[in-house]
Amino acid sequence: MADISLSGAHHHVDGIQASYMAQVQRRRLYGGLALLIFVVLMASGFNVADDRNAGGFWDGLHQIGDYPADVLSEAWEKRADLPALIAKYFPALVETINIAAVSTLIGAIGGLFLSLLGTRGLAKWPRLIPLFRRISDIMRAVPEIVIALVLIFVLGGGPVPAMIAIAIHTAGALAKMFSEVSENTDLKAVEGLASTGATWSQRMLLGVLPQVAPNYVSYTLLRFEINIRASAILGFVGAGGLGYELRNAMAWGPGRFDEAAAIFILLFGTIVFFDQVSSRYRNRLTEGQGQ
């Protein structure tokens, strides 16, 4: 009887091992097929893009360093003028930061409401949760530059279209992040406030926000970093700020490369500065929450 039981257990273990190896082989096969499909799509996409390009990619690859070399050489020749140029374009930098700050603030407020209205257990109208989630999906699915181009056509060039475009995209992105944090909220405080007759706004303000505030602020600071870059990029389509000045300097070509270099220095220094500051504050918030 003991031999029979041991033999049965041995066969059972062999069966489990064989099943596990079959699953591993199947997973490797699926992974290899997925990698093959990815490589084929990348190669075909590259060929299509290269055919539609004004010049061949491989033909122009050796010239990739020519433009940066021209900018650096002219900037070095006129390096004595760089401080004055940096001072000249500093107001455009302030405009870019203002666009990013205002759009982040508006987007964070919009994302806060969308997240609370689209989170199970917290939503004021549970049946409308899918609606609010789809709204946030649409808002973050459309790139800022597309929204800005439409708004520039309607409102004209300037910082306002850029601010609205970034705020819309920010609201959608933060709504997703905020909602994931809110789903992990302890509902005991919310239920306790509800038992006392508190309104939905009071339950959210007193029962939810104190728990999620560190993560909300951390995500908002991270989004502010992203929005600084986005506001500079939107300047290329006429949305004002430092990007608009950079586009003009680069489009003019030789003779104004020193101005382009000064703008690059301003933009790079600003991004590094705010990246370090926000990273420090985000670390403090997460460490404080962990404690």
C-alpha atoms as a PDB file:
ATOM      1  CA  MET A   1       0.000   0.000   0.000  1.00  0.00           C
ATOM      2  CA  ALA A   2       2.837   2.400   0.840  1.00  0.00           C
ATOM      3  CA  ASP A   3       4.535   1.637  -2.482  1.00  0.00           C
ATOM      4  CA  ILE A   4       1.309   2.284  -4.335  1.00  0.00           C
ATOM      5  CA  SER A   5       0.734   5.612  -2.565  1.00  0.00           C
ATOM      6  CA  LEU A   6       4.330   6.716  -3.175  1.00  0.00           C
ATOM      7  CA  SER A   7       4.072   5.750  -6.820  1.00  0.00           C
ATOM      8  CA  GLY A   8       0.831   7.699  -7.166  1.00  0.00           C
ATOM      9  CA  ALA A   9       2.357  10.772  -5.517  1.00  0.00           C
ATOM     10  CA  HIS A  10       5.369  10.495  -7.804  1.00  0.00           C
ATOM     11  CA  HIS A  11       3.143  10.373 -10.887  1.00  0.00           C
ATOM     12  CA  HIS A  12       1.163  13.332  -9.546  1.00  0.00           C
ATOM     13  CA  VAL A  13       4.356  15.396  -9.092  1.00  0.00           C
ATOM     14  CA  ASP A  14       5.499  14.408 -12.585  1.00  0.00           C
ATOM     15  CA  GLY A  15       2.162  15.540 -13.971  1.00  0.00           C
ATOM     16  CA  ILE A  16       2.411  18.922 -12.229  1.00  0.00           C
ATOM     17  CA  GLN A  17       5.973  19.375 -13.482  1.00  0.00           C
ATOM     18  CA  ALA A  18       4.988  18.455 -17.032  1.00  0.00           C
ATOM     19  CA  SER A  19       2.051  20.874 -16.896  1.00  0.00           C
ATOM     20  CA  TYR A  20       4.290  23.644 -15.566  1.00  0.00           C
ATOM     21  CA  MET A  21       6.902  23.082 -18.288  1.00  0.00           C
ATOM     22  CA  ALA A  22       4.161  23.109 -20.920  1.00  0.00           C
ATOM     23  CA  GLN A  23       2.944  26.464 -19.615  1.00  0.00           C
ATOM     24  CA  VAL A  24       6.492  27.813 -19.621  1.00  0.00           C
ATOM     25  CA  GLN A  25       7.020  26.673 -23.211  1.00  0.00           C
ATOM     26  CA  ARG A  26       3.683  28.190 -24.228  1.00  0.00           C
ATOM     27  CA  ARG A  27       4.572  31.477 -22.547  1.00  0.00           C
ATOM     28  CA  ARG A  28       7.931  31.561 -24.283  1.00  0.00           C
ATOM     29  CA  LEU A  29       6.249  30.880 -27.600  1.00  0.00           C
ATOM     30  CA  TYR A  30       3.742  33.688 -27.074  1.00  0.00           C
ATOM     31  CA  GLY A  31       6.543  36.015 -25.943  1.00  0.00           C
ATOM     32  CA  GLY A  32       8.606  35.166 -29.027  1.00  0.00           C
ATOM     33  CA  LEU A  33       5.631  35.741 -31.324  1.00  0.00           C
ATOM     34  CA  ALA A  34       4.886  39.072 -29.642  1.00  0.00           C
ATOM     35  CA  LEU A  35       8.516  40.135 -30.040  1.00  0.00           C
ATOM     36  CA  LEU A  36       8.500  39.080 -33.695  1.00  0.00           C
ATOM     37  CA  ILE A  37       5.301  41.041 -34.362  1.00  0.00           C
ATOM     38  CA  PHE A  38       6.785  44.081 -32.603  1.00  0.00           C
ATOM     39  CA  VAL A  39       9.962  43.917 -34.708  1.00  0.00           C
ATOM     40  CA  VAL A  40       7.957  43.543 -37.932  1.00  0.00           C
ATOM     41  CA  LEU A  41       5.719  46.497 -37.041  1.00  0.00           C
ATOM     42  CA  MET A  42       8.711  48.640 -36.114  1.00  0.00           C
ATOM     43  CA  ALA A  43      10.525  47.793 -39.362  1.00  0.00           C
ATOM     44  CA  SER A  44       7.468  48.374 -41.528  1.00  0.00           C
ATOM     45  CA  GLY A  45       6.623  51.605 -39.708  1.00  0.00           C
ATOM     46  CA  PHE A  46      10.179  52.854 -40.145  1.00  0.00           C
ATOM     47  CA  ASN A  47      10.115  52.057 -43.862  1.00  0.00           C
ATOM     48  CA  VAL A  48       6.798  53.872 -44.331  1.00  0.00           C
ATOM     49  CA  ALA A  49       8.052  56.917 -42.404  1.00  0.00           C
ATOM     50  CA  ASP A  50      11.344  56.915 -44.340  1.00  0.00           C
ATOM     51  CA  ASP A  51       9.519  56.747 -47.698  1.00  0.00           C
ATOM     52  CA  ARG A  52       7.309  59.691 -46.765  1.00  0.00           C
ATOM     53  CA  ASN A  53      10.197  61.730 -45.425  1.00  0.00           C
ATOM     54  CA  ALA A  54      11.508  64.585 -47.547  1.00  0.00           C
ATOM     55  CA  GLY A  55      14.970  63.030 -47.452  1.00  0.00           C
ATOM     56  CA  GLY A  56      16.179  59.528 -46.712  1.00  0.00           C
ATOM     57  CA  PHE A  57      17.007  58.804 -43.086  1.00  0.00           C
ATOM     58  CA  TRP A  58      20.212  56.923 -43.838  1.00  0.00           C
ATOM     59  CA  ASP A  59      21.303  59.568 -46.347  1.00  0.00           C
ATOM     60  CA  GLY A  60      21.023  62.324 -43.785  1.00  0.00           C
ATOM     61  CA  LEU A  61      22.218  60.389 -40.740  1.00  0.00           C
ATOM     62  CA  HIS A  62      25.802  61.574 -41.135  1.00  0.00           C
ATOM     63  CA  GLN A  63      24.585  65.191 -40.940  1.00  0.00           C
ATOM     64  CA  ILE A  64      22.863  64.763 -37.594  1.00  0.00           C
ATOM     65  CA  GLY A  65      25.550  66.703 -35.734  1.00  0.00           C
ATOM     66  CA  ASP A  66      25.852  69.586 -38.209  1.00  0.00           C
ATOM     67  CA  TYR A  67      23.058  71.743 -36.804  1.00  0.00           C
ATOM     68  CA  PRO A  68      24.086  71.456 -33.127  1.00  0.00           C
ATOM     69  CA  ALA A  69      27.680  72.149 -34.160  1.00  0.00           C
ATOM     70  CA  ASP A  70      26.615  75.336 -35.986  1.00  0.00           C
ATOM     71  CA  VAL A  71      24.598  76.510 -32.982  1.00  0.00           C
ATOM     72  CA  LEU A  72      27.418  75.833 -30.530  1.00  0.00           C
ATOM     73  CA  SER A  73      30.094  77.405 -32.709  1.00  0.00           C
ATOM     74  CA  GLU A  74      28.124  80.609 -33.244  1.00  0.00           C
ATOM     75  CA  ALA A  75      27.143  80.751 -29.582  1.00  0.00           C
ATOM     76  CA  TRP A  76      30.798  80.367 -28.599  1.00  0.00           C
ATOM     77  CA  GLU A  77      31.842  83.146 -30.957  1.00  0.00           C
ATOM     78  CA  LYS A  78      29.208  85.446 -29.413  1.00  0.00           C
ATOM     79  CA  ARG A  79      29.491  84.117 -25.861  1.00  0.00           C
ATOM     80  CA  ALA A  80      29.938  87.649 -24.525  1.00  0.00           C
ATOM     81  CA  ASP A  81      26.349  88.396 -25.624  1.00  0.00           C
ATOM     82  CA  LEU A  82      24.793  85.389 -23.880  1.00  0.00           C
ATOM     83  CA  PRO A  83      24.068  87.112 -20.506  1.00  0.00           C
ATOM     84  CA  ALA A  84      22.232  89.927 -22.277  1.00  0.00           C
ATOM     85  CA  LEU A  85      20.280  87.428 -24.392  1.00  0.00           C
ATOM     86  CA  ILE A  86      19.348  85.397 -21.326  1.00  0.00           C
ATOM     87  CA  ALA A  87      18.026  88.573 -19.697  1.00  0.00           C
ATOM     88  CA  LYS A  88      16.165  89.414 -22.914  1.00  0.00           C
ATOM     89  CA  TYR A  89      14.297  86.110 -23.019  1.00  0.00           C
ATOM     90  CA  PHE A  90      13.721  85.808 -19.276  1.00  0.00           C
ATOM     91  CA  PRO A  91      10.179  87.326 -19.543  1.00  0.00           C
ATOM     92  CA  ALA A  92       9.314  84.602 -22.076  1.00  0.00           C
ATOM     93  CA  LEU A  93      10.549  82.039 -19.557  1.00  0.00           C
ATOM     94  CA  VAL A  94       8.305  83.561 -16.879  1.00  0.00           C
ATOM     95  CA  GLU A  95       5.394  83.308 -19.312  1.00  0.00           C
ATOM     96  CA  THR A  96       6.171  79.645 -19.929  1.00  0.00           C
ATOM     97  CA  ILE A  97       6.298  78.924 -16.189  1.00  0.00           C
ATOM     98  CA  ASN A  98       3.032  80.809 -15.680  1.00  0.00           C
ATOM     99  CA  ILE A  99       1.353  78.743 -18.403  1.00  0.00           C
ATOM    100  CA  ALA A 100       2.551  75.545 -16.745  1.00  0.00           C
ATOM    101  CA  ALA A 101       1.573  76.660 -13.226  1.00  0.00           C
ATOM    102  CA  VAL A 102      -1.933  77.884 -14.086  1.00  0.00           C
ATOM    103  CA  SER A 103      -2.693  74.884 -16.296  1.00  0.00           C
ATOM    104  CA  THR A 104      -1.442  72.516 -13.579  1.00  0.00           C
ATOM    105  CA  LEU A 105      -3.615  74.185 -10.948  1.00  0.00           C
ATOM    106  CA  ILE A 106      -6.731  74.118 -13.127  1.00  0.00           C
ATOM    107  CA  GLY A 107      -6.007  70.585 -14.288  1.00  0.00           C
ATOM    108  CA  ALA A 108      -5.456  69.368 -10.711  1.00  0.00           C
ATOM    109  CA  ILE A 109      -8.811  70.792  -9.598  1.00  0.00           C
ATOM    110  CA  GLY A 110     -10.561  69.224 -12.587  1.00  0.00           C
ATOM    111  CA  GLY A 111      -8.767  65.922 -12.057  1.00  0.00           C
ATOM    112  CA  LEU A 112      -9.738  65.942  -8.369  1.00  0.00           C
ATOM    113  CA  PHE A 113     -13.446  66.189  -9.129  1.00  0.00           C
ATOM    114  CA  LEU A 114     -13.281  63.677 -11.988  1.00  0.00           C
ATOM    115  CA  SER A 115     -11.425  61.175  -9.804  1.00  0.00           C
ATOM    116  CA  LEU A 116     -13.827  61.448  -6.875  1.00  0.00           C
ATOM    117  CA  LEU A 117     -16.856  61.234  -9.150  1.00  0.00           C
ATOM    118  CA  GLY A 118     -15.381  58.249 -10.987  1.00  0.00           C
ATOM    119  CA  THR A 119     -14.209  56.150  -8.006  1.00  0.00           C
ATOM    120  CA  ARG A 120     -16.298  53.279  -6.710  1.00  0.00           C
ATOM    121  CA  GLY A 121     -17.396  53.771  -3.120  1.00  0.00           C
ATOM    122  CA  LEU A 122     -16.824  57.532  -3.263  1.00  0.00           C
ATOM    123  CA  ALA A 123     -18.827  58.721  -6.269  1.00  0.00           C
ATOM    124  CA  LYS A 124     -21.815  60.933  -5.621  1.00  0.00           C
ATOM    125  CA  TRP A 125     -23.695  59.364  -8.541  1.00  0.00           C
ATOM    126  CA  PRO A 126     -22.524  55.728  -8.818  1.00  0.00           C
ATOM    127  CA  ARG A 127     -24.412  55.139 -12.070  1.00  0.00           C
ATOM    128  CA  LEU A 128     -22.426  57.909 -13.752  1.00  0.00           C
ATOM    129  CA  ILE A 129     -19.012  56.464 -12.852  1.00  0.00           C
ATOM    130  CA  PRO A 130     -18.431  55.093 -16.398  1.00  0.00           C
ATOM    131  CA  LEU A 131     -19.337  58.487 -17.858  1.00  0.00           C
ATOM    132  CA  PHE A 132     -16.805  60.399 -15.754  1.00  0.00           C
ATOM    133  CA  ARG A 133     -14.129  57.789 -16.452  1.00  0.00           C
ATOM    134  CA  ARG A 134     -14.686  58.024 -20.208  1.00  0.00           C
ATOM    135  CA  ILE A 135     -14.497  61.818 -19.991  1.00  0.00           C
ATOM    136  CA  SER A 136     -11.106  61.601 -18.287  1.00  0.00           C
ATOM    137  CA  ASP A 137      -9.977  59.005 -20.849  1.00  0.00           C
ATOM    138  CA  ILE A 138     -10.852  61.316 -23.722  1.00  0.00           C
ATOM    139  CA  MET A 139      -9.195  64.318 -22.069  1.00  0.00           C
ATOM    140  CA  ARG A 140      -5.854  62.552 -21.657  1.00  0.00           C
ATOM    141  CA  ALA A 141      -6.053  60.658 -24.965  1.00  0.00           C
ATOM    142  CA  VAL A 142      -5.951  63.804 -27.110  1.00  0.00           C
ATOM    143  CA  PRO A 143      -2.412  65.298 -27.217  1.00  0.00           C
ATOM    144  CA  GLU A 144      -1.947  68.840 -25.956  1.00  0.00           C
ATOM    145  CA  ILE A 145      -0.627  70.025 -29.312  1.00  0.00           C
ATOM    146  CA  VAL A 146      -3.807  68.918 -31.101  1.00  0.00           C
ATOM    147  CA  ILE A 147      -5.998  70.762 -28.611  1.00  0.00           C
ATOM    148  CA  ALA A 148      -3.746  73.817 -28.844  1.00  0.00           C
ATOM    149  CA  LEU A 149      -3.919  73.886 -32.660  1.00  0.00           C
ATOM    150  CA  VAL A 150      -7.715  73.850 -32.542  1.00  0.00           C
ATOM    151  CA  LEU A 151      -7.827  76.570 -29.889  1.00  0.00           C
ATOM    152  CA  ILE A 152      -5.292  78.727 -31.755  1.00  0.00           C
ATOM    153  CA  PHE A 153      -7.552  78.551 -34.797  1.00  0.00           C
ATOM    154  CA  VAL A 154     -10.491  79.706 -32.656  1.00  0.00           C
ATOM    155  CA  LEU A 155      -8.840  82.095 -30.172  1.00  0.00           C
ATOM    156  CA  GLY A 156      -5.694  83.125 -32.032  1.00  0.00           C
ATOM    157  CA  GLY A 157      -2.094  82.713 -30.933  1.00  0.00           C
ATOM    158  CA  GLY A 158      -0.948  83.389 -27.394  1.00  0.00           C
ATOM    159  CA  PRO A 159      -0.613  81.754 -23.976  1.00  0.00           C
ATOM    160  CA  VAL A 160      -4.349  81.223 -23.379  1.00  0.00           C
ATOM    161  CA  PRO A 161      -4.761  78.365 -25.916  1.00  0.00           C
ATOM    162  CA  ALA A 162      -1.652  76.692 -24.519  1.00  0.00           C
ATOM    163  CA  MET A 163      -2.927  77.017 -20.957  1.00  0.00           C
ATOM    164  CA  ILE A 164      -6.344  75.564 -21.814  1.00  0.00           C
ATOM    165  CA  ALA A 165      -4.833  72.718 -23.849  1.00  0.00           C
ATOM    166  CA  ILE A 166      -2.411  71.687 -21.113  1.00  0.00           C
ATOM    167  CA  ALA A 167      -5.094  72.034 -18.421  1.00  0.00           C
ATOM    168  CA  ILE A 168      -7.457  69.706 -20.305  1.00  0.00           C
ATOM    169  CA  HIS A 169      -4.797  67.045 -20.765  1.00  0.00           C
ATOM    170  CA  THR A 170      -3.588  67.475 -17.177  1.00  0.00           C
ATOM    171  CA  ALA A 171      -7.108  67.018 -15.785  1.00  0.00           C
ATOM    172  CA  GLY A 172      -7.501  63.740 -17.652  1.00  0.00           C
ATOM    173  CA  ALA A 173      -4.082  62.425 -16.635  1.00  0.00           C
ATOM    174  CA  LEU A 174      -4.385  63.405 -12.973  1.00  0.00           C
ATOM    175  CA  ALA A 175      -7.940  62.061 -12.782  1.00  0.00           C
ATOM    176  CA  LYS A 176      -6.552  58.614 -13.610  1.00  0.00           C
ATOM    177  CA  MET A 177      -3.739  58.881 -11.041  1.00  0.00           C
ATOM    178  CA  PHE A 178      -5.968  60.369  -8.348  1.00  0.00           C
ATOM    179  CA  SER A 179      -8.616  57.706  -8.907  1.00  0.00           C
ATOM    180  CA  GLU A 180      -6.099  54.892  -8.375  1.00  0.00           C
ATOM    181  CA  VAL A 181      -5.091  56.482  -5.066  1.00  0.00           C
ATOM    182  CA  SER A 182      -8.685  57.084  -3.999  1.00  0.00           C
ATOM    183  CA  GLU A 183      -9.617  53.442  -4.591  1.00  0.00           C
ATOM    184  CA  ASN A 184      -7.291  52.487  -1.727  1.00  0.00           C
ATOM    185  CA  THR A 185      -8.882  54.933   0.687  1.00  0.00           C
ATOM    186  CA  ASP A 186     -10.102  53.619   4.043  1.00  0.00           C
ATOM    187  CA  LEU A 187     -13.876  54.069   3.900  1.00  0.00           C
ATOM    188  CA  LYS A 188     -14.416  53.877   7.672  1.00  0.00           C
ATOM    189  CA  ALA A 189     -13.991  57.639   8.035  1.00  0.00           C
ATOM    190  CA  VAL A 190     -16.378  58.246   5.136  1.00  0.00           C
ATOM    191  CA  GLU A 191     -18.962  55.895   6.612  1.00  0.00           C
ATOM    192  CA  GLY A 192     -18.608  57.543  10.024  1.00  0.00           C
ATOM    193  CA  LEU A 193     -19.203  60.977   8.545  1.00  0.00           C
ATOM    194  CA  ALA A 194     -22.173  59.666   6.562  1.00  0.00           C
ATOM    195  CA  SER A 195     -23.728  58.324   9.759  1.00  0.00           C
ATOM    196  CA  THR A 196     -23.649  61.837  11.218  1.00  0.00           C
ATOM    197  CA  GLY A 197     -25.501  63.267   8.224  1.00  0.00           C
ATOM    198  CA  ALA A 198     -22.496  64.845   6.475  1.00  0.00           C
ATOM    199  CA  THR A 199     -22.954  65.849   2.852  1.00  0.00           C
ATOM    200  CA  TRP A 200     -20.943  64.310   0.009  1.00  0.00           C
ATOM    201  CA  SER A 201     -18.659  67.345  -0.126  1.00  0.00           C
ATOM    202  CA  GLN A 202     -18.025  67.153   3.616  1.00  0.00           C
ATOM    203  CA  ARG A 203     -17.272  63.427   3.415  1.00  0.00           C
ATOM    204  CA  MET A 204     -14.774  63.997   0.624  1.00  0.00           C
ATOM    205  CA  LEU A 205     -13.180  67.014   2.304  1.00  0.00           C
ATOM    206  CA  LEU A 206     -12.894  65.553   5.802  1.00  0.00           C
ATOM    207  CA  GLY A 207     -12.807  61.810   5.208  1.00  0.00           C
ATOM    208  CA  VAL A 208     -10.938  61.299   1.926  1.00  0.00           C
ATOM    209  CA  LEU A 209      -8.658  64.235   1.176  1.00  0.00           C
ATOM    210  CA  PRO A 210      -6.633  64.019   4.437  1.00  0.00           C
ATOM    211  CA  GLN A 211      -5.729  60.429   3.503  1.00  0.00           C
ATOM    212  CA  VAL A 212      -4.788  61.033  -0.121  1.00  0.00           C
ATOM    213  CA  ALA A 213      -3.433  64.589   0.015  1.00  0.00           C
ATOM    214  CA  PRO A 214       0.297  63.606   0.043  1.00  0.00           C
ATOM    215  CA  ASN A 215      -0.085  61.447  -3.053  1.00  0.00           C
ATOM    216  CA  TYR A 216      -2.256  64.050  -4.763  1.00  0.00           C
ATOM    217  CA  VAL A 217       0.324  66.782  -4.176  1.00  0.00           C
ATOM    218  CA  SER A 218       3.137  64.475  -5.290  1.00  0.00           C
ATOM    219  CA  TYR A 219       1.394  63.658  -8.572  1.00  0.00           C
ATOM    220  CA  THR A 220       0.558  67.332  -9.121  1.00  0.00           C
ATOM    221  CA  LEU A 221       4.197  68.357  -8.693  1.00  0.00           C
ATOM    222  CA  LEU A 222       5.258  65.645 -11.109  1.00  0.00           C
ATOM    223  CA  ARG A 223       2.705  66.893 -13.606  1.00  0.00           C
ATOM    224  CA  PHE A 224       3.998  70.453 -13.172  1.00  0.00           C
ATOM    225  CA  GLU A 225       7.421  69.292 -14.373  1.00  0.00           C
ATOM    226  CA  ILE A 226       5.822  67.715 -17.434  1.00  0.00           C
ATOM    227  CA  ASN A 227       3.754  70.820 -18.139  1.00  0.00           C
ATOM    228  CA  ILE A 228       6.820  73.057 -18.217  1.00  0.00           C
ATOM    229  CA  ARG A 229       8.162  70.970 -21.081  1.00  0.00           C
ATOM    230  CA  ALA A 230       4.735  70.860 -22.727  1.00  0.00           C
ATOM    231  CA  SER A 231       4.310  74.647 -22.559  1.00  0.00           C
ATOM    232  CA  ALA A 232       7.712  75.103 -24.204  1.00  0.00           C
ATOM    233  CA  ILE A 233       6.814  72.648 -26.968  1.00  0.00           C
ATOM    234  CA  LEU A 234       3.450  74.307 -27.611  1.00  0.00           C
ATOM    235  CA  GLY A 235       5.293  77.545 -28.269  1.00  0.00           C
ATOM    236  CA  PHE A 236       6.401  76.034 -31.568  1.00  0.00           C
ATOM    237  CA  VAL A 237       2.809  76.159 -32.840  1.00  0.00           C
ATOM    238  CA  GLY A 238       2.355  79.799 -31.850  1.00  0.00           C
ATOM    239  CA  ALA A 239       1.143  79.364 -28.288  1.00  0.00           C
ATOM    240  CA  GLY A 240       3.587  81.896 -26.857  1.00  0.00           C
ATOM    241  CA  GLY A 241       6.242  81.547 -24.218  1.00  0.00           C
ATOM    242  CA  LEU A 242       9.829  80.472 -24.558  1.00  0.00           C
ATOM    243  CA  GLY A 243       9.047  77.874 -27.214  1.00  0.00           C
ATOM    244  CA  TYR A 244       7.709  80.558 -29.543  1.00  0.00           C
ATOM    245  CA  GLU A 245      10.933  82.545 -29.235  1.00  0.00           C
ATOM    246  CA  LEU A 246      12.984  79.397 -29.767  1.00  0.00           C
ATOM    247  CA  ARG A 247      11.090  78.573 -32.946  1.00  0.00           C
ATOM    248  CA  ASN A 248      11.726  82.056 -34.332  1.00  0.00           C
ATOM    249  CA  ALA A 249      15.418  81.887 -33.495  1.00  0.00           C
ATOM    250  CA  MET A 250      15.829  78.435 -35.031  1.00  0.00           C
ATOM    251  CA  ALA A 251      13.786  79.316 -38.129  1.00  0.00           C
ATOM    252  CA  TRP A 252      15.933  82.387 -38.805  1.00  0.00           C
ATOM    253  CA  GLY A 253      19.013  80.212 -39.038  1.00  0.00           C
ATOM    254  CA  PRO A 254      22.648  81.419 -38.944  1.00  0.00           C
ATOM    255  CA  GLY A 255      22.968  84.834 -37.366  1.00  0.00           C
ATOM    256  CA  ARG A 256      20.552  84.077 -34.536  1.00  0.00           C
ATOM    257  CA  PHE A 257      21.948  80.788 -33.306  1.00  0.00           C
ATOM    258  CA  ASP A 258      23.340  82.618 -30.289  1.00  0.00           C
ATOM    259  CA  GLU A 259      19.767  83.512 -29.336  1.00  0.00           C
ATOM    260  CA  ALA A 260      18.744  79.869 -29.739  1.00  0.00           C
ATOM    261  CA  ALA A 261      21.615  78.847 -27.478  1.00  0.00           C
ATOM    262  CA  ALA A 262      20.561  81.367 -24.819  1.00  0.00           C
ATOM    263  CA  ILE A 263      16.987  80.053 -24.933  1.00  0.00           C
ATOM    264  CA  PHE A 264      18.236  76.465 -24.655  1.00  0.00           C
ATOM    265  CA  ILE A 265      20.256  77.420 -21.580  1.00  0.00           C
ATOM    266  CA  LEU A 266      17.225  79.059 -19.972  1.00  0.00           C
ATOM    267  CA  LEU A 267      14.947  76.150 -20.761  1.00  0.00           C
ATOM    268  CA  PHE A 268      17.399  73.471 -19.667  1.00  0.00           C
ATOM    269  CA  GLY A 269      18.257  75.278 -16.435  1.00  0.00           C
ATOM    270  CA  THR A 270      14.585  75.800 -15.600  1.00  0.00           C
ATOM    271  CA  ILE A 271      13.650  72.173 -16.197  1.00  0.00           C
ATOM    272  CA  VAL A 272      16.562  70.928 -14.087  1.00  0.00           C
ATOM    273  CA  PHE A 273      15.755  73.392 -11.295  1.00  0.00           C
ATOM    274  CA  PHE A 274      12.072  72.502 -11.027  1.00  0.00           C
ATOM    275  CA  ASP A 275      12.856  68.817 -11.423  1.00  0.00           C
ATOM    276  CA  GLN A 276      15.166  68.926  -8.410  1.00  0.00           C
ATOM    277  CA  VAL A 277      12.826  71.054  -6.300  1.00  0.00           C
ATOM    278  CA  SER A 278       9.716  68.995  -7.009  1.00  0.00           C
ATOM    279  CA  SER A 279      11.608  65.716  -6.550  1.00  0.00           C
ATOM    280  CA  ARG A 280      12.752  66.870  -3.113  1.00  0.00           C
ATOM    281  CA  TYR A 281       9.241  67.847  -2.056  1.00  0.00           C
ATOM    282  CA  ARG A 282       7.752  64.647  -3.479  1.00  0.00           C
ATOM    283  CA  ASN A 283      10.284  62.577  -1.523  1.00  0.00           C
ATOM    284  CA  ARG A 284       9.407  64.448   1.653  1.00  0.00           C
ATOM    285  CA  LEU A 285       5.710  63.851   1.085  1.00  0.00           C
ATOM    286  CA  THR A 286       6.101  60.130   0.432  1.00  0.00           C
ATOM    287  CA  GLU A 287       8.516  59.666   3.356  1.00  0.00           C
ATOM    288  CA  GLY A 288       6.215  61.569   5.669  1.00  0.00           C
ATOM    289  CA  GLN A 289       3.293  59.440   4.550  1.00  0.00           C
ATOM    290  CA  GLY A 290       5.299  56.265   5.132  1.00  0.00           C
ATOM    291  CA  GLN A 291       6.125  57.350   8.668  1.00  0.00           C
END
